[in-house]
């Protein structure tokens, strides 16, 4: 049987045993070790150092990733809340626009103080145009409200049912803001009908109307 010649690998492990023979790393033995052992040890230490540094870098990157994920979640929550508020604000903005449009329309329909006499004449002409008998057309005391003035007009006219209906429709079609209430109809001996109603004409408040506004009464115990 032939004896195997010692190889470089055997020499490396033999020298390695020598370096750690006493259980401790022997620097003196390392200085006397072959270049192969020194090279192997150098690459082992280098690889170990690289692995440690890579693990430290990976640990820091994972922390950054977790921090970024948490920030992304918070940003998503903030965006969701803002989108929810925006979704609620959009209908409110539409309602506000509709209300603003309605208010503008009402303001355009309000008469000026100097136009009230012309409005009363226009209502009178509408009745005469239908051939109605204008038995009563009496403006009452003007009422001053917070944002407008209201002039009630007591009205009594007589004529055919059809002409009374056209007269009421003509009043409602006036460009100024005018309403009819307290409407009642009754028969006459000649076969026609009478109509009693209160016409309400509205106008802008002028500078001189402000002092006429009623101030709220003082609470008991408060000085006027």
Protein backbone atom coordinates (compact mmCIF):
# COMPACT_ATOMS: atom_id res chain seq x y z
CA UNK A 1 0.00 0.00 0.00
CA UNK A 2 1.42 3.37 -1.09
CA UNK A 3 1.72 6.20 1.42
CA UNK A 4 -0.08 9.48 0.38
CA UNK A 5 2.20 12.45 0.05
CA UNK A 6 1.25 15.44 2.18
CA UNK A 7 -0.60 18.12 0.17
CA UNK A 8 -0.86 21.90 0.56
CA UNK A 9 -4.30 21.45 2.15
CA UNK A 10 -2.81 19.15 4.77
CA UNK A 11 -0.11 21.68 5.46
CA UNK A 12 -2.75 24.45 5.87
CA UNK A 13 -4.76 22.46 8.40
CA UNK A 14 -1.61 21.34 10.22
CA UNK A 15 -0.47 24.94 10.58
CA UNK A 16 -3.98 25.94 11.57
CA UNK A 17 -3.86 23.40 14.38
CA UNK A 18 -0.55 24.87 15.39
CA UNK A 19 -2.01 28.40 15.51
CA UNK A 20 -4.84 27.27 17.80
CA UNK A 21 -3.10 24.33 19.51
CA UNK A 22 -3.18 25.94 22.92
CA UNK A 23 -6.76 27.15 22.58
CA UNK A 24 -5.55 30.70 21.95
CA UNK A 25 -4.46 32.54 18.87
CA UNK A 26 -0.67 32.35 18.71
CA UNK A 27 0.79 35.47 17.04
CA UNK A 28 4.26 33.96 17.08
CA UNK A 29 3.03 30.93 15.22
CA UNK A 30 1.22 33.24 12.77
CA UNK A 31 4.44 35.06 11.95
CA UNK A 32 6.07 31.73 11.17
CA UNK A 33 3.09 30.43 9.19
CA UNK A 34 3.20 29.96 5.47
CA UNK A 35 1.87 32.52 3.01
CA UNK A 36 -1.08 30.23 2.24
CA UNK A 37 -2.21 30.29 5.88
CA UNK A 38 -1.72 34.03 6.09
CA UNK A 39 -3.70 34.56 2.89
CA UNK A 40 -6.52 32.30 4.06
CA UNK A 41 -6.68 34.06 7.41
CA UNK A 42 -6.66 37.49 5.72
CA UNK A 43 -9.52 36.58 3.39
CA UNK A 44 -11.47 35.03 6.28
CA UNK A 45 -11.15 38.18 8.39
CA UNK A 46 -11.98 40.35 5.38
CA UNK A 47 -15.07 38.29 4.57
CA UNK A 48 -16.20 38.35 8.21
CA UNK A 49 -15.73 42.12 8.36
CA UNK A 50 -17.67 42.56 5.14
CA UNK A 51 -20.51 40.38 6.44
CA UNK A 52 -20.70 42.35 9.71
CA UNK A 53 -20.70 45.68 7.88
CA UNK A 54 -23.32 44.43 5.42
CA UNK A 55 -25.55 43.24 8.28
CA UNK A 56 -25.20 46.63 10.01
CA UNK A 57 -26.07 48.41 6.77
CA UNK A 58 -29.01 46.08 6.17
CA UNK A 59 -30.28 46.65 9.70
CA UNK A 60 -30.17 50.43 9.18
CA UNK A 61 -31.88 50.11 5.81
CA UNK A 62 -34.65 48.00 7.33
CA UNK A 63 -35.19 50.64 10.02
CA UNK A 64 -35.34 53.35 7.35
CA UNK A 65 -37.79 51.24 5.37
CA UNK A 66 -40.02 50.71 8.39
CA UNK A 67 -39.87 54.42 9.19
CA UNK A 68 -40.76 55.29 5.58
CA UNK A 69 -43.65 52.79 5.63
CA UNK A 70 -45.00 54.35 8.84
CA UNK A 71 -44.73 57.85 7.34
CA UNK A 72 -46.50 56.64 4.18
CA UNK A 73 -49.33 55.23 6.29
CA UNK A 74 -49.68 58.52 8.16
CA UNK A 75 -49.68 60.48 4.90
CA UNK A 76 -52.35 58.18 3.48
CA UNK A 77 -54.50 58.79 6.56
CA UNK A 78 -54.02 62.57 6.24
CA UNK A 79 -54.90 62.47 2.53
CA UNK A 80 -57.97 60.30 3.25
CA UNK A 81 -59.20 62.77 5.88
CA UNK A 82 -58.66 65.73 3.53
CA UNK A 83 -60.41 63.94 0.67
CA UNK A 84 -63.32 63.16 2.98
CA UNK A 85 -63.54 66.82 4.01
CA UNK A 86 -63.32 67.86 0.37
CA UNK A 87 -66.12 65.45 -0.52
CA UNK A 88 -68.26 67.04 2.20
CA UNK A 89 -67.32 70.58 1.20
CA UNK A 90 -68.24 70.16 -2.46
CA UNK A 91 -72.01 69.74 -1.83
CA UNK A 92 -71.85 72.62 0.66
CA UNK A 93 -70.15 74.80 -1.94
CA UNK A 94 -72.86 73.89 -4.46
CA UNK A 95 -75.58 74.70 -1.93
CA UNK A 96 -73.88 77.98 -1.13
CA UNK A 97 -73.71 78.84 -4.83
CA UNK A 98 -77.38 77.97 -5.26
CA UNK A 99 -78.32 80.06 -2.22
CA UNK A 100 -76.22 82.96 -3.50
CA UNK A 101 -77.93 82.72 -6.90
CA UNK A 102 -81.36 82.65 -5.26
CA UNK A 103 -80.53 85.66 -3.07
CA UNK A 104 -79.26 87.57 -6.08
CA UNK A 105 -82.47 86.79 -7.96
CA UNK A 106 -84.56 88.02 -5.03
CA UNK A 107 -82.48 91.17 -4.70
CA UNK A 108 -82.94 91.91 -8.40
CA UNK A 109 -86.71 91.47 -7.97
CA UNK A 110 -86.94 93.93 -5.06
CA UNK A 111 -88.22 97.34 -5.98
CA UNK A 112 -86.61 100.62 -4.99
CA UNK A 113 -88.50 103.08 -2.83
CA UNK A 114 -89.00 105.40 -5.79
CA UNK A 115 -90.43 102.51 -7.84
CA UNK A 116 -93.24 101.57 -5.46
CA UNK A 117 -95.70 104.12 -6.86
CA UNK A 118 -95.09 102.79 -10.37
CA UNK A 119 -95.60 99.21 -9.12
CA UNK A 120 -98.98 100.11 -7.60
CA UNK A 121 -100.03 101.72 -10.88
CA UNK A 122 -98.90 98.61 -12.77
CA UNK A 123 -101.08 96.35 -10.57
CA UNK A 124 -104.02 98.72 -11.08
CA UNK A 125 -103.51 98.63 -14.87
CA UNK A 126 -103.46 94.83 -14.87
CA UNK A 127 -106.92 94.77 -13.32
CA UNK A 128 -108.30 97.36 -15.72
CA UNK A 129 -106.78 95.47 -18.69
CA UNK A 130 -108.92 92.44 -17.76
CA UNK A 131 -112.05 94.56 -17.47
CA UNK A 132 -112.31 93.96 -13.73
CA UNK A 133 -114.14 96.28 -11.34
CA UNK A 134 -111.55 97.55 -8.88
CA UNK A 135 -113.65 98.05 -5.75
CA UNK A 136 -110.79 98.33 -3.23
CA UNK A 137 -107.10 99.02 -3.67
CA UNK A 138 -105.74 100.32 -0.36
CA UNK A 139 -102.02 100.30 0.61
CA UNK A 140 -101.66 99.54 4.32
CA UNK A 141 -98.91 100.52 6.76
CA UNK A 142 -95.47 99.55 5.46
CA UNK A 143 -93.61 96.94 7.49
CA UNK A 144 -89.85 97.28 7.93
CA UNK A 145 -87.99 93.99 8.28
CA UNK A 146 -84.29 93.32 8.82
CA UNK A 147 -83.43 93.10 5.13
CA UNK A 148 -86.42 94.47 3.21
CA UNK A 149 -89.58 96.55 3.49
CA UNK A 150 -93.02 95.07 2.89
CA UNK A 151 -96.07 97.00 1.71
CA UNK A 152 -99.41 95.14 2.20
CA UNK A 153 -102.22 96.20 -0.14
CA UNK A 154 -105.84 95.31 0.55
CA UNK A 155 -107.51 94.38 -2.72
CA UNK A 156 -111.08 93.65 -3.83
CA UNK A 157 -112.00 93.18 -7.49
CA UNK A 158 -114.91 91.63 -9.29
CA UNK A 159 -115.36 89.99 -12.68
CA UNK A 160 -115.56 86.62 -14.38
CA UNK A 161 -113.71 83.61 -12.97
CA UNK A 162 -111.43 83.42 -16.00
CA UNK A 163 -110.51 87.13 -15.88
CA UNK A 164 -109.82 86.96 -12.14
CA UNK A 165 -107.49 84.01 -12.74
CA UNK A 166 -105.62 85.86 -15.49
CA UNK A 167 -105.31 88.92 -13.22
CA UNK A 168 -103.79 86.83 -10.40
CA UNK A 169 -101.39 85.19 -12.86
CA UNK A 170 -100.38 88.60 -14.26
CA UNK A 171 -99.54 89.84 -10.76
CA UNK A 172 -97.36 86.75 -10.15
CA UNK A 173 -95.58 87.39 -13.48
CA UNK A 174 -94.50 90.93 -12.60
CA UNK A 175 -90.70 91.39 -12.66
CA UNK A 176 -90.88 92.89 -9.18
CA UNK A 177 -91.28 90.68 -6.12
CA UNK A 178 -95.04 90.62 -5.42
CA UNK A 179 -97.10 87.94 -3.65
CA UNK A 180 -100.80 87.28 -3.07
CA UNK A 181 -102.31 85.74 0.06
CA UNK A 182 -105.52 85.71 2.09
CA UNK A 183 -107.26 84.98 -1.21
CA UNK A 184 -111.01 84.42 -1.14
CA UNK A 185 -113.71 84.21 -3.84
CA UNK A 186 -117.45 84.72 -3.64
CA UNK A 187 -120.46 84.99 -5.98
CA UNK A 188 -122.22 88.21 -6.98
CA UNK A 189 -125.85 88.71 -8.00
CA UNK A 190 -124.90 89.46 -11.59
CA UNK A 191 -123.26 86.05 -12.02
CA UNK A 192 -119.69 87.31 -11.63
CA UNK A 193 -117.32 86.68 -8.73
CA UNK A 194 -115.53 88.94 -6.31
CA UNK A 195 -111.98 88.30 -5.18
CA UNK A 196 -110.52 89.64 -1.98
CA UNK A 197 -106.80 89.30 -1.34
CA UNK A 198 -103.78 90.95 0.18
CA UNK A 199 -101.05 91.93 -2.23
CA UNK A 200 -97.55 92.16 -0.72
CA UNK A 201 -95.02 94.33 -2.51
CA UNK A 202 -91.39 94.26 -1.37
CA UNK A 203 -88.59 96.78 -1.74
CA UNK A 204 -85.00 97.43 -0.68
CA UNK A 205 -84.30 99.10 2.60
CA UNK A 206 -83.08 102.65 2.19
CA UNK A 207 -80.78 104.53 4.56
CA UNK A 208 -83.74 106.24 6.24
CA UNK A 209 -85.44 102.91 7.01
CA UNK A 210 -82.82 101.73 9.51
CA UNK A 211 -84.04 103.85 12.46
CA UNK A 212 -87.53 102.37 11.95
CA UNK A 213 -86.31 98.84 12.75
CA UNK A 214 -87.60 97.66 16.11
CA UNK A 215 -84.82 96.96 18.56
CA UNK A 216 -85.13 93.76 20.60
CA UNK A 217 -86.61 94.40 24.00
CA UNK A 218 -84.21 94.30 26.94
CA UNK A 219 -84.19 91.28 29.16
CA UNK A 220 -85.67 91.63 32.64
CA UNK A 221 -83.11 93.07 35.01
CA UNK A 222 -81.08 94.69 32.22
CA UNK A 223 -80.86 98.41 31.79
CA UNK A 224 -82.30 99.74 28.48
